[in-house]
Structure formats: structure tokens, C-alpha cells
């Protein structure tokens, strides 16, 4: 049994508690994910020093894999951070070799900064709408409900956000990766 401190559990997306699956490679990589009934059938993991993100993406693309590529960057082999917040975590979701969604722990990759940086919304609207965000009502939905964005503009912005996270992953050279093969939640899929 493994107990993860609350702050670290939340940063890993495990704040709800419950069972987890641990995937590890001796002394080099550990991945803790919520246990799922549809657990990945297969996975491969390694260091970004041995395979680059581009090489892993090329494999996923050419073999038409479905799954998620997890990248934990910002740590080199000699200096591992003690806190998960020190890592930049990116998740790239694939369906039949094609990128369908991406997420990131980097605050610059959040929807608000992407909207602001690309002229989709102003700082005042983002600040006002961010106060209305609740569980089950994310920022994008609030912006559409408040008339700041149309559904088409939100979709365009999310597509741009996914593209920036995906391309940003190619710049990571120190850290670890794991590709978990299998289906994933299609709720946020961007085609």
C-alpha cells in the first residue's frame, strides 16, 4: 500500500483517492495513475535521453496506436526533483496514430493564457469569467455562456492550445516518458 501526501496526490490527479496502478522501470521511472477497469493493454517507457519525443511520436503515428503519451520533463538523470510540481507534465492523447487532445501542467499552456496570447479574449473578460468557473463548468464553457466567445472560437482556441502543447513537448530533452496503449476518455477530443 502506498500513501501519497494530499498536495502531491492532487498534482498527480489522484486527489479522489482510491486504487492506483503503478508502472515502474528499475530506479528510473515510476508512473502512478488511477486504477481503471480498462487498464492499458501495453505500455513502453524510457528516458528522453535515449528516445526523443519526436521518435516516440513517430512510432505511435506509424503504428497507428491509440493511447496516451505521458512526458515528465525538467529532471535530468543526476538531479531528480523532490516535488512533482517541479516537473513539467504533458499528456498527448492519440487515436489511431493521430493526436486528438493534449494537456499540460505548465501554467502557460492553460486555456486562459492561450486565449489572451492569441487575441481570443481580453484580460478583463478572463478575470471576470474565471471567478465563475466551477466543477463541471470549465473556463471555456463559462466564456461561451457569458458571450465572450462563440462555440466555434472556443473550438479554434482549444485546437491551438493542443497544437502548442504538442509542439512544446518536442522541445523537452531531459526527463522521462511512458506511452500507455489503450482507449481513453473521448470527452475532450479535438479532431
Protein backbone atom coordinates (compact mmCIF):
# COMPACT_ATOMS: atom_id res chain seq x y z
CA UNK A 1 0.00 0.00 0.00
CA UNK A 2 1.32 3.43 -0.99
CA UNK A 3 0.18 6.66 0.62
CA UNK A 4 0.71 9.82 -1.39
CA UNK A 5 0.62 13.15 0.52
CA UNK A 6 -2.51 15.20 -0.34
CA UNK A 7 -0.68 18.01 -2.17
CA UNK A 8 1.29 15.61 -4.34
CA UNK A 9 -1.79 13.42 -4.91
CA UNK A 10 -3.70 16.45 -6.20
CA UNK A 11 -0.86 17.49 -8.52
CA UNK A 12 -0.79 13.95 -9.93
CA UNK A 13 -4.57 13.94 -10.47
CA UNK A 14 -5.17 11.41 -7.69
CA UNK A 15 -6.95 13.66 -5.18
CA UNK A 16 -10.07 11.48 -5.22
CA UNK A 17 -8.21 8.63 -3.54
CA UNK A 18 -8.89 5.03 -4.33
CA UNK A 19 -6.85 2.36 -6.05
CA UNK A 20 -3.95 3.24 -8.32
CA UNK A 21 -1.79 1.38 -10.79
CA UNK A 22 1.99 1.79 -10.50
CA UNK A 23 4.15 1.29 -13.57
CA UNK A 24 7.90 1.40 -12.99
CA UNK A 25 11.26 0.69 -14.51
CA UNK A 26 14.01 -0.16 -12.05
CA UNK A 27 15.35 3.03 -10.48
CA UNK A 28 14.46 5.21 -13.44
CA UNK A 29 10.74 5.76 -13.78
CA UNK A 30 7.57 5.43 -11.75
CA UNK A 31 4.12 6.24 -13.02
CA UNK A 32 1.15 6.35 -10.66
CA UNK A 33 -2.27 6.53 -12.30
CA UNK A 34 -5.82 5.96 -11.05
CA UNK A 35 -6.76 2.29 -11.45
CA UNK A 36 -9.17 1.71 -14.32
CA UNK A 37 -11.21 -1.29 -15.35
CA UNK A 38 -9.98 -0.69 -18.91
CA UNK A 39 -6.32 -0.63 -17.86
CA UNK A 40 -3.82 -0.23 -20.68
CA UNK A 41 -3.05 -3.44 -22.51
CA UNK A 42 0.56 -2.48 -23.11
CA UNK A 43 2.99 0.30 -22.41
CA UNK A 44 6.55 1.32 -23.04
CA UNK A 45 8.58 3.84 -21.10
CA UNK A 46 12.01 5.33 -21.08
CA UNK A 47 14.24 8.33 -20.74
CA UNK A 48 14.17 11.31 -23.08
CA UNK A 49 17.94 10.90 -23.17
CA UNK A 50 17.51 7.62 -25.06
CA UNK A 51 14.43 8.39 -27.18
CA UNK A 52 13.20 11.87 -28.06
CA UNK A 53 9.55 12.84 -28.03
CA UNK A 54 9.72 13.05 -31.84
CA UNK A 55 10.94 9.44 -32.06
CA UNK A 56 8.18 8.20 -29.76
CA UNK A 57 5.52 10.18 -31.67
CA UNK A 58 6.85 8.78 -34.96
CA UNK A 59 6.43 5.25 -33.59
CA UNK A 60 2.88 5.94 -32.36
CA UNK A 61 1.95 7.59 -35.67
CA UNK A 62 3.45 4.94 -37.94
CA UNK A 63 1.97 2.04 -35.96
CA UNK A 64 -1.48 3.71 -35.67
CA UNK A 65 -1.53 3.32 -31.87
CA UNK A 66 -4.29 4.55 -29.58
CA UNK A 67 -3.30 5.67 -26.10
CA UNK A 68 -1.67 8.44 -24.14
CA UNK A 69 1.96 9.58 -24.16
CA UNK A 70 2.94 10.96 -20.75
CA UNK A 71 6.03 13.18 -20.61
CA UNK A 72 7.57 14.25 -17.28
CA UNK A 73 10.26 16.77 -18.19
CA UNK A 74 12.56 19.08 -16.31
CA UNK A 75 14.53 16.45 -14.43
CA UNK A 76 17.82 15.04 -15.57
CA UNK A 77 19.40 11.75 -14.56
CA UNK A 78 21.60 13.38 -11.90
CA UNK A 79 19.04 15.66 -10.26
CA UNK A 80 15.53 14.38 -9.61
CA UNK A 81 13.13 16.92 -8.13
CA UNK A 82 11.58 16.01 -4.79
CA UNK A 83 8.26 17.67 -5.57
CA UNK A 84 6.08 16.72 -8.57
CA UNK A 85 5.30 20.43 -9.08
CA UNK A 86 8.89 20.90 -10.26
CA UNK A 87 8.20 18.72 -13.31
CA UNK A 88 6.52 19.86 -16.48
CA UNK A 89 3.99 17.16 -17.26
CA UNK A 90 2.42 16.85 -20.69
CA UNK A 91 -0.13 14.25 -21.80
CA UNK A 92 -0.58 13.67 -25.53
CA UNK A 93 -3.63 11.60 -26.47
CA UNK A 94 -3.66 9.58 -29.69
CA UNK A 95 -6.36 7.73 -31.59
CA UNK A 96 -5.19 5.54 -34.45
CA UNK A 97 -1.87 7.42 -34.52
CA UNK A 98 -3.44 10.89 -34.67
CA UNK A 99 -3.24 13.49 -31.88
CA UNK A 100 -6.75 14.12 -30.56
CA UNK A 101 -6.05 16.01 -27.32
CA UNK A 102 -3.25 17.25 -25.08
CA UNK A 103 -2.94 18.60 -21.55
CA UNK A 104 -0.11 20.15 -19.59
CA UNK A 105 0.81 21.14 -16.06
CA UNK A 106 2.63 24.25 -17.32
CA UNK A 107 0.54 27.36 -16.44
CA UNK A 108 1.49 28.92 -19.79
CA UNK A 109 -0.33 26.06 -21.54
CA UNK A 110 -3.64 26.70 -19.77
CA UNK A 111 -6.60 27.89 -21.81
CA UNK A 112 -6.63 31.42 -20.31
CA UNK A 113 -3.08 32.36 -21.39
CA UNK A 114 -3.67 30.79 -24.83
CA UNK A 115 -6.86 32.83 -25.29
CA UNK A 116 -5.15 36.02 -24.12
CA UNK A 117 -1.95 35.48 -26.11
CA UNK A 118 -3.82 34.83 -29.35
CA UNK A 119 -6.36 37.63 -29.03
CA UNK A 120 -9.44 35.48 -28.44
CA UNK A 121 -10.33 37.21 -25.14
CA UNK A 122 -9.21 40.21 -23.11
CA UNK A 123 -7.71 40.15 -19.63
CA UNK A 124 -10.81 41.74 -18.04
CA UNK A 125 -13.16 39.12 -19.54
CA UNK A 126 -10.84 36.28 -18.49
CA UNK A 127 -10.60 37.60 -14.94
CA UNK A 128 -14.37 38.08 -14.65
CA UNK A 129 -15.20 34.67 -16.13
CA UNK A 130 -12.53 32.80 -14.15
CA UNK A 131 -14.46 33.68 -10.98
CA UNK A 132 -17.48 31.80 -12.41
CA UNK A 133 -15.58 28.56 -13.05
CA UNK A 134 -16.83 25.60 -11.01
CA UNK A 135 -16.59 21.84 -11.13
CA UNK A 136 -18.40 20.69 -14.24
CA UNK A 137 -18.30 24.22 -15.71
CA UNK A 138 -14.81 24.87 -17.08
CA UNK A 139 -13.48 28.22 -18.27
CA UNK A 140 -14.28 27.58 -21.92
CA UNK A 141 -17.92 26.84 -21.16
CA UNK A 142 -18.19 29.94 -18.97
CA UNK A 143 -16.74 32.11 -21.75
CA UNK A 144 -19.30 30.76 -24.22
CA UNK A 145 -22.18 31.11 -21.73
CA UNK A 146 -21.15 34.72 -20.98
CA UNK A 147 -20.99 35.60 -24.69
CA UNK A 148 -17.24 36.30 -24.71
CA UNK A 149 -16.60 33.51 -27.24
CA UNK A 150 -18.69 31.55 -29.71
CA UNK A 151 -18.51 27.76 -29.68
CA UNK A 152 -16.51 27.93 -32.92
CA UNK A 153 -13.98 30.35 -31.39
CA UNK A 154 -13.62 28.12 -28.32
CA UNK A 155 -13.01 25.09 -30.53
CA UNK A 156 -10.41 27.03 -32.53
CA UNK A 157 -8.68 28.15 -29.33
CA UNK A 158 -8.64 24.63 -27.86
CA UNK A 159 -7.23 23.30 -31.13
CA UNK A 160 -4.47 25.92 -30.93
CA UNK A 161 -3.85 25.02 -27.26
CA UNK A 162 -3.49 21.32 -28.14
CA UNK A 163 -1.12 22.18 -31.00
CA UNK A 164 1.06 24.36 -28.73
CA UNK A 165 1.25 21.66 -26.02
CA UNK A 166 2.07 19.01 -28.65
CA UNK A 167 4.80 21.07 -30.30
CA UNK A 168 6.16 22.18 -26.91
CA UNK A 169 6.69 18.53 -25.96
CA UNK A 170 9.22 18.24 -28.80
CA UNK A 171 11.45 20.77 -27.00
CA UNK A 172 11.80 18.58 -23.90
CA UNK A 173 15.17 16.83 -23.73
CA UNK A 174 15.53 15.86 -20.05
CA UNK A 175 13.02 13.67 -18.27
CA UNK A 176 11.01 10.51 -18.78
CA UNK A 177 8.12 9.29 -20.91
CA UNK A 178 5.57 6.50 -20.89
CA UNK A 179 3.14 5.52 -23.63
CA UNK A 180 0.07 3.70 -22.30
CA UNK A 181 -1.74 1.89 -25.07
CA UNK A 182 -5.50 1.60 -24.88
CA UNK A 183 -8.70 3.60 -25.11
CA UNK A 184 -9.13 6.87 -23.25
CA UNK A 185 -11.94 9.28 -22.49
CA UNK A 186 -13.06 10.91 -25.76
CA UNK A 187 -14.92 13.75 -23.99
CA UNK A 188 -12.28 16.39 -24.78
CA UNK A 189 -11.24 15.03 -28.16
CA UNK A 190 -10.26 17.62 -30.77
CA UNK A 191 -10.37 16.33 -34.34
